[in-house]
Amino acid sequence: MVVEIVVVVIVVEIVVVVVVVEIVVVAVAVAVVVVRVIVAVVVVVVVVVSSRSSSGRCSSSSSISSSRGSINSSGGGSRVVGLQYSGGRVVQYGWFTLPN
């Protein structure tokens, strides 16, 4: 009788551990899917925002030189992405506002 109770208790403990492990595995899988969805949404939002910010402008290439260096950029309108050179090396990169 005592042996049967011990065996039942051990089997119940094993079943509980297996169920808990399965719950953890499912929770991790759901978390991975949620993270992937969030990353996909962020990428789509960034692409949409960047495409809207550059829409409606004509595409062109510009080069500005001054005593402080030069900016070579591509884009259009007053807001472009480019590189600023000074002394033959890049000193700044990113968005620049060009005169119209």
Protein backbone atom coordinates (compact mmCIF):
# COMPACT_ATOMS: atom_id res chain seq x y z
CA MET A 1 0.00 0.00 0.00
CA VAL A 2 2.73 2.43 0.95
CA VAL A 3 4.70 1.45 -2.16
CA GLU A 4 1.67 2.14 -4.36
CA ILE A 5 1.22 5.59 -2.81
CA VAL A 6 4.90 6.42 -3.34
CA VAL A 7 4.71 5.26 -6.98
CA VAL A 8 1.55 7.34 -7.56
CA VAL A 9 3.17 10.40 -5.99
CA ILE A 10 6.29 10.00 -8.15
CA VAL A 11 4.18 9.59 -11.31
CA VAL A 12 2.11 12.66 -10.43
CA GLU A 13 5.28 14.69 -9.84
CA ILE A 14 6.70 13.60 -13.20
CA VAL A 15 3.45 14.52 -14.97
CA VAL A 16 3.40 17.94 -13.27
CA VAL A 17 7.01 18.61 -14.28
CA VAL A 18 6.31 17.59 -17.89
CA VAL A 19 3.22 19.80 -18.05
CA VAL A 20 5.12 22.77 -16.58
CA VAL A 21 7.96 22.28 -19.09
CA GLU A 22 5.47 22.12 -21.95
CA ILE A 23 3.81 25.33 -20.74
CA VAL A 24 7.18 27.07 -20.60
CA VAL A 25 8.09 25.87 -24.11
CA VAL A 26 4.77 27.13 -25.50
CA ALA A 27 5.20 30.47 -23.70
CA VAL A 28 8.69 30.91 -25.16
CA ALA A 29 7.41 30.06 -28.64
CA VAL A 30 4.60 32.59 -28.31
CA ALA A 31 7.07 35.22 -27.07
CA VAL A 32 9.32 34.60 -30.09
CA VAL A 33 6.37 35.02 -32.47
CA VAL A 34 5.29 38.23 -30.70
CA VAL A 35 8.82 39.67 -30.93
CA ARG A 36 8.98 38.82 -34.64
CA VAL A 37 5.64 40.50 -35.26
CA ILE A 38 6.76 43.61 -33.35
CA VAL A 39 10.00 43.78 -35.35
CA ALA A 40 8.08 43.37 -38.62
CA VAL A 41 5.66 46.15 -37.66
CA VAL A 42 8.53 48.47 -36.71
CA VAL A 43 10.29 47.79 -40.03
CA VAL A 44 7.10 48.47 -41.99
CA VAL A 45 6.48 51.71 -40.07
CA VAL A 46 10.06 52.90 -40.67
CA VAL A 47 9.83 52.10 -44.38
CA VAL A 48 6.46 53.85 -44.73
CA VAL A 49 7.59 56.92 -42.79
CA SER A 50 10.84 57.22 -44.71
CA SER A 51 9.08 56.77 -48.05
CA ARG A 52 6.49 59.42 -47.13
CA SER A 53 9.16 61.86 -46.02
CA SER A 54 10.91 61.55 -49.37
CA SER A 55 7.82 61.44 -51.59
CA GLY A 56 6.90 64.42 -53.72
CA ARG A 57 10.46 65.54 -54.19
CA CYS A 58 12.39 65.26 -57.39
CA SER A 59 15.50 63.14 -57.33
CA SER A 60 18.75 64.98 -57.87
CA SER A 61 22.38 65.10 -56.87
CA SER A 62 23.89 68.10 -55.15
CA SER A 63 27.32 69.24 -54.16
CA ILE A 64 28.02 72.21 -51.91
CA SER A 65 31.51 73.50 -51.27
CA SER A 66 32.58 76.10 -48.79
CA SER A 67 35.55 77.04 -46.67
CA ARG A 68 34.34 74.55 -44.04
CA GLY A 69 34.26 71.59 -46.42
CA SER A 70 31.84 70.11 -48.90
CA ILE A 71 28.60 68.13 -48.92
CA ASN A 72 27.98 65.54 -51.60
CA SER A 73 24.44 64.23 -51.43
CA SER A 74 21.67 62.59 -53.36
CA GLY A 75 17.99 63.21 -52.96
CA GLY A 76 15.96 66.27 -53.80
CA GLY A 77 14.31 69.34 -52.41
CA SER A 78 15.65 70.90 -49.27
CA ARG A 79 16.23 67.76 -47.19
CA VAL A 80 18.76 65.18 -48.41
CA VAL A 81 20.99 62.41 -47.13
CA GLY A 82 24.65 63.03 -47.66
CA LEU A 83 28.24 63.04 -46.52
CA GLN A 84 30.21 66.11 -45.48
CA TYR A 85 33.88 66.02 -46.41
CA SER A 86 36.65 68.13 -44.97
CA GLY A 87 40.28 67.64 -45.76
CA GLY A 88 39.57 64.53 -47.80
CA ARG A 89 37.72 62.66 -45.07
CA VAL A 90 34.12 62.33 -43.96
CA VAL A 91 33.41 64.59 -40.98
CA GLN A 92 29.63 64.27 -40.85
CA TYR A 93 26.89 62.17 -42.40
CA GLY A 94 23.12 62.12 -42.27
CA TRP A 95 20.36 64.56 -43.21
CA PHE A 96 21.33 67.96 -44.58
CA THR A 97 19.23 70.96 -45.51
CA LEU A 98 20.22 72.32 -48.91
CA PRO A 99 19.35 75.74 -50.22
CA ASN A 100 16.75 75.72 -53.00
